[in-house]
Amino acid sequence: MSSFDIDTTEINAFKVEDADLYVFSQYFEQDDVFHELREWYDSEEYRFEVPASEINRLESFLGEYFYDLNRVAPDEIEPFCVVKEKYTDHADILRNSVYHTSRGGNTIFVMQDRLSAEQAAEQDATPLDDSDISFRL
């Protein structure tokens, strides 16, 4: 019996506490995957918004295509978040974010993954845990 390792792609799905849904951003090369998920796609925000009641079905479906869904609870979101002063260049940061909002003179970004958060920090964003801002999705 042979064994082999299959590389999976991890998708971080962030639980939105008060809305009872999960949000994530991912580009799917296979048309049939995107077609199956189209009902949850918000084309204005470039993200998927999946009701919590559907997350188990989504996880099972994505697993068939070698995607590993990582559910991120509201109290575990901090390592994925960065802060940038409003009205400064943030196009590259926005491209890899799942969600963003303004707080005072800052914009808070929830990044797709920890690598994107690290890259944003290299582009003059501040990790949320290094700021004095409190945020929960």
C-alpha atoms as a PDB file:
ATOM      1  CA  MET A   1       0.000   0.000   0.000  1.00  0.00           C
ATOM      2  CA  SER A   2       1.519   3.315  -0.990  1.00  0.00           C
ATOM      3  CA  SER A   3       1.091   6.501   0.916  1.00  0.00           C
ATOM      4  CA  PHE A   4       1.519  10.032  -0.246  1.00  0.00           C
ATOM      5  CA  ASP A   5       1.127  13.493   1.121  1.00  0.00           C
ATOM      6  CA  ILE A   6      -1.257  15.891  -0.500  1.00  0.00           C
ATOM      7  CA  ASP A   7      -0.677  19.577  -0.024  1.00  0.00           C
ATOM      8  CA  THR A   8      -3.752  21.374   1.157  1.00  0.00           C
ATOM      9  CA  THR A   9      -4.487  25.069   1.045  1.00  0.00           C
ATOM     10  CA  GLU A  10      -5.482  26.553   4.370  1.00  0.00           C
ATOM     11  CA  ILE A  11      -8.362  29.021   4.431  1.00  0.00           C
ATOM     12  CA  ASN A  12      -8.935  31.088   7.556  1.00  0.00           C
ATOM     13  CA  ALA A  13     -12.646  31.675   8.145  1.00  0.00           C
ATOM     14  CA  PHE A  14     -13.256  34.398  10.715  1.00  0.00           C
ATOM     15  CA  LYS A  15     -16.294  34.154  12.977  1.00  0.00           C
ATOM     16  CA  VAL A  16     -18.297  37.383  13.091  1.00  0.00           C
ATOM     17  CA  GLU A  17     -19.556  37.385  16.614  1.00  0.00           C
ATOM     18  CA  ASP A  18     -22.807  39.317  16.356  1.00  0.00           C
ATOM     19  CA  ALA A  19     -23.805  38.225  12.853  1.00  0.00           C
ATOM     20  CA  ASP A  20     -23.538  34.440  13.341  1.00  0.00           C
ATOM     21  CA  LEU A  21     -21.507  34.019  10.173  1.00  0.00           C
ATOM     22  CA  TYR A  22     -17.970  33.391   8.963  1.00  0.00           C
ATOM     23  CA  VAL A  23     -16.074  35.530   6.457  1.00  0.00           C
ATOM     24  CA  PHE A  24     -13.090  34.552   4.342  1.00  0.00           C
ATOM     25  CA  SER A  25     -11.345  35.514   1.156  1.00  0.00           C
ATOM     26  CA  GLN A  26      -9.942  32.976  -1.280  1.00  0.00           C
ATOM     27  CA  TYR A  27      -9.402  32.731  -5.011  1.00  0.00           C
ATOM     28  CA  PHE A  28     -10.601  29.381  -6.374  1.00  0.00           C
ATOM     29  CA  GLU A  29      -9.104  28.286  -9.674  1.00  0.00           C
ATOM     30  CA  GLN A  30     -11.691  25.550 -10.192  1.00  0.00           C
ATOM     31  CA  ASP A  31     -14.899  26.982 -11.598  1.00  0.00           C
ATOM     32  CA  ASP A  32     -17.022  24.267  -9.991  1.00  0.00           C
ATOM     33  CA  VAL A  33     -15.752  25.224  -6.513  1.00  0.00           C
ATOM     34  CA  PHE A  34     -16.586  28.892  -7.002  1.00  0.00           C
ATOM     35  CA  HIS A  35     -19.937  27.978  -8.560  1.00  0.00           C
ATOM     36  CA  GLU A  36     -20.853  25.930  -5.476  1.00  0.00           C
ATOM     37  CA  LEU A  37     -19.950  28.846  -3.176  1.00  0.00           C
ATOM     38  CA  ARG A  38     -21.317  31.673  -5.330  1.00  0.00           C
ATOM     39  CA  GLU A  39     -24.420  32.225  -3.167  1.00  0.00           C
ATOM     40  CA  TRP A  40     -22.163  33.346  -0.303  1.00  0.00           C
ATOM     41  CA  TYR A  41     -19.884  35.602  -2.344  1.00  0.00           C
ATOM     42  CA  ASP A  42     -20.102  39.347  -1.714  1.00  0.00           C
ATOM     43  CA  SER A  43     -18.711  40.856  -4.911  1.00  0.00           C
ATOM     44  CA  GLU A  44     -18.515  44.350  -3.430  1.00  0.00           C
ATOM     45  CA  GLU A  45     -16.345  43.221  -0.518  1.00  0.00           C
ATOM     46  CA  TYR A  46     -14.512  40.448  -2.451  1.00  0.00           C
ATOM     47  CA  ARG A  47     -15.170  37.897   0.269  1.00  0.00           C
ATOM     48  CA  PHE A  48     -17.385  34.989   1.168  1.00  0.00           C
ATOM     49  CA  GLU A  49     -19.921  35.380   3.979  1.00  0.00           C
ATOM     50  CA  VAL A  50     -21.137  31.995   5.156  1.00  0.00           C
ATOM     51  CA  PRO A  51     -23.864  31.517   7.787  1.00  0.00           C
ATOM     52  CA  ALA A  52     -22.585  29.590  10.798  1.00  0.00           C
ATOM     53  CA  SER A  53     -25.296  27.008  10.156  1.00  0.00           C
ATOM     54  CA  GLU A  54     -23.601  26.163   6.803  1.00  0.00           C
ATOM     55  CA  ILE A  55     -19.976  26.063   7.966  1.00  0.00           C
ATOM     56  CA  ASN A  56     -19.829  22.282   8.472  1.00  0.00           C
ATOM     57  CA  ARG A  57     -21.156  21.681   4.950  1.00  0.00           C
ATOM     58  CA  LEU A  58     -18.670  24.202   3.568  1.00  0.00           C
ATOM     59  CA  GLU A  59     -15.779  22.575   5.403  1.00  0.00           C
ATOM     60  CA  SER A  60     -16.730  19.145   4.073  1.00  0.00           C
ATOM     61  CA  PHE A  61     -17.100  20.426   0.507  1.00  0.00           C
ATOM     62  CA  LEU A  62     -13.785  22.290   0.558  1.00  0.00           C
ATOM     63  CA  GLY A  63     -12.037  19.235   1.980  1.00  0.00           C
ATOM     64  CA  GLU A  64     -12.942  17.323  -1.183  1.00  0.00           C
ATOM     65  CA  TYR A  65     -10.866  19.875  -3.116  1.00  0.00           C
ATOM     66  CA  PHE A  66      -7.934  19.803  -0.653  1.00  0.00           C
ATOM     67  CA  TYR A  67      -8.751  23.006   1.174  1.00  0.00           C
ATOM     68  CA  ASP A  68      -8.357  22.992   4.942  1.00  0.00           C
ATOM     69  CA  LEU A  69     -10.826  25.342   6.647  1.00  0.00           C
ATOM     70  CA  ASN A  70      -9.449  26.907   9.826  1.00  0.00           C
ATOM     71  CA  ARG A  71     -12.203  28.480  11.929  1.00  0.00           C
ATOM     72  CA  VAL A  72     -10.897  31.543  13.746  1.00  0.00           C
ATOM     73  CA  ALA A  73     -12.900  32.526  16.824  1.00  0.00           C
ATOM     74  CA  PRO A  74     -13.473  36.225  17.614  1.00  0.00           C
ATOM     75  CA  ASP A  75     -11.040  36.094  20.541  1.00  0.00           C
ATOM     76  CA  GLU A  76      -8.306  34.539  18.343  1.00  0.00           C
ATOM     77  CA  ILE A  77      -8.323  37.184  15.605  1.00  0.00           C
ATOM     78  CA  GLU A  78      -5.571  39.491  16.897  1.00  0.00           C
ATOM     79  CA  PRO A  79      -2.587  37.839  15.096  1.00  0.00           C
ATOM     80  CA  PHE A  80      -4.401  38.392  11.783  1.00  0.00           C
ATOM     81  CA  CYS A  81      -5.064  42.116  12.348  1.00  0.00           C
ATOM     82  CA  VAL A  82      -3.029  45.194  11.500  1.00  0.00           C
ATOM     83  CA  VAL A  83      -3.638  48.913  11.885  1.00  0.00           C
ATOM     84  CA  LYS A  84      -2.682  51.638   9.447  1.00  0.00           C
ATOM     85  CA  GLU A  85      -3.168  55.375   9.678  1.00  0.00           C
ATOM     86  CA  LYS A  86      -6.120  56.554   7.581  1.00  0.00           C
ATOM     87  CA  TYR A  87      -5.445  58.183   4.236  1.00  0.00           C
ATOM     88  CA  THR A  88      -2.060  56.506   3.819  1.00  0.00           C
ATOM     89  CA  ASP A  89      -1.190  54.085   1.038  1.00  0.00           C
ATOM     90  CA  HIS A  90      -2.736  50.716   1.821  1.00  0.00           C
ATOM     91  CA  ALA A  91      -3.715  49.217  -1.558  1.00  0.00           C
ATOM     92  CA  ASP A  92      -1.414  46.199  -1.162  1.00  0.00           C
ATOM     93  CA  ILE A  93      -2.672  45.605   2.366  1.00  0.00           C
ATOM     94  CA  LEU A  94      -6.305  45.888   1.302  1.00  0.00           C
ATOM     95  CA  ARG A  95      -5.727  43.312  -1.462  1.00  0.00           C
ATOM     96  CA  ASN A  96      -4.925  40.620   1.125  1.00  0.00           C
ATOM     97  CA  SER A  97      -7.511  41.590   3.706  1.00  0.00           C
ATOM     98  CA  VAL A  98     -10.817  39.929   4.456  1.00  0.00           C
ATOM     99  CA  TYR A  99     -12.341  42.863   6.297  1.00  0.00           C
ATOM    100  CA  HIS A 100     -11.456  46.458   7.100  1.00  0.00           C
ATOM    101  CA  THR A 101     -13.009  49.216   9.180  1.00  0.00           C
ATOM    102  CA  SER A 102     -12.147  52.687  10.414  1.00  0.00           C
ATOM    103  CA  ARG A 103     -11.557  53.611  14.041  1.00  0.00           C
ATOM    104  CA  GLY A 104     -10.683  57.211  14.763  1.00  0.00           C
ATOM    105  CA  GLY A 105      -7.708  58.117  12.587  1.00  0.00           C
ATOM    106  CA  ASN A 106      -6.885  54.499  11.752  1.00  0.00           C
ATOM    107  CA  THR A 107      -8.007  51.665   9.540  1.00  0.00           C
ATOM    108  CA  ILE A 108      -8.023  48.149  10.956  1.00  0.00           C
ATOM    109  CA  PHE A 109      -7.483  45.267   8.544  1.00  0.00           C
ATOM    110  CA  VAL A 110      -8.241  41.590   9.156  1.00  0.00           C
ATOM    111  CA  MET A 111      -5.772  39.782   6.916  1.00  0.00           C
ATOM    112  CA  GLN A 112      -6.328  36.460   5.125  1.00  0.00           C
ATOM    113  CA  ASP A 113      -3.526  34.763   7.007  1.00  0.00           C
ATOM    114  CA  ARG A 114      -0.630  35.446   9.354  1.00  0.00           C
ATOM    115  CA  LEU A 115       1.846  35.783   6.490  1.00  0.00           C
ATOM    116  CA  SER A 116      -0.275  38.587   4.997  1.00  0.00           C
ATOM    117  CA  ALA A 117      -0.314  40.292   8.417  1.00  0.00           C
ATOM    118  CA  GLU A 118       3.497  40.043   8.588  1.00  0.00           C
ATOM    119  CA  GLN A 119       3.821  41.442   5.074  1.00  0.00           C
ATOM    120  CA  ALA A 120       1.478  44.314   5.991  1.00  0.00           C
ATOM    121  CA  ALA A 121       3.709  45.112   8.960  1.00  0.00           C
ATOM    122  CA  GLU A 122       6.614  45.362   6.503  1.00  0.00           C
ATOM    123  CA  GLN A 123       4.522  47.983   4.665  1.00  0.00           C
ATOM    124  CA  ASP A 124       4.284  50.244   7.727  1.00  0.00           C
ATOM    125  CA  ALA A 125       1.151  48.727   9.240  1.00  0.00           C
ATOM    126  CA  THR A 126       1.191  48.068  12.967  1.00  0.00           C
ATOM    127  CA  PRO A 127       0.179  44.668  14.356  1.00  0.00           C
ATOM    128  CA  LEU A 128      -3.017  45.089  16.364  1.00  0.00           C
ATOM    129  CA  ASP A 129      -1.389  43.715  19.507  1.00  0.00           C
ATOM    130  CA  ASP A 130       1.274  46.464  19.272  1.00  0.00           C
ATOM    131  CA  SER A 131      -1.380  49.191  19.133  1.00  0.00           C
ATOM    132  CA  ASP A 132      -3.665  50.610  21.771  1.00  0.00           C
ATOM    133  CA  ILE A 133      -6.752  49.710  19.736  1.00  0.00           C
ATOM    134  CA  SER A 134      -9.212  47.044  20.837  1.00  0.00           C
ATOM    135  CA  PHE A 135     -11.036  45.204  18.050  1.00  0.00           C
ATOM    136  CA  ARG A 136     -13.278  42.179  17.609  1.00  0.00           C
ATOM    137  CA  LEU A 137     -14.978  41.142  14.428  1.00  0.00           C
END
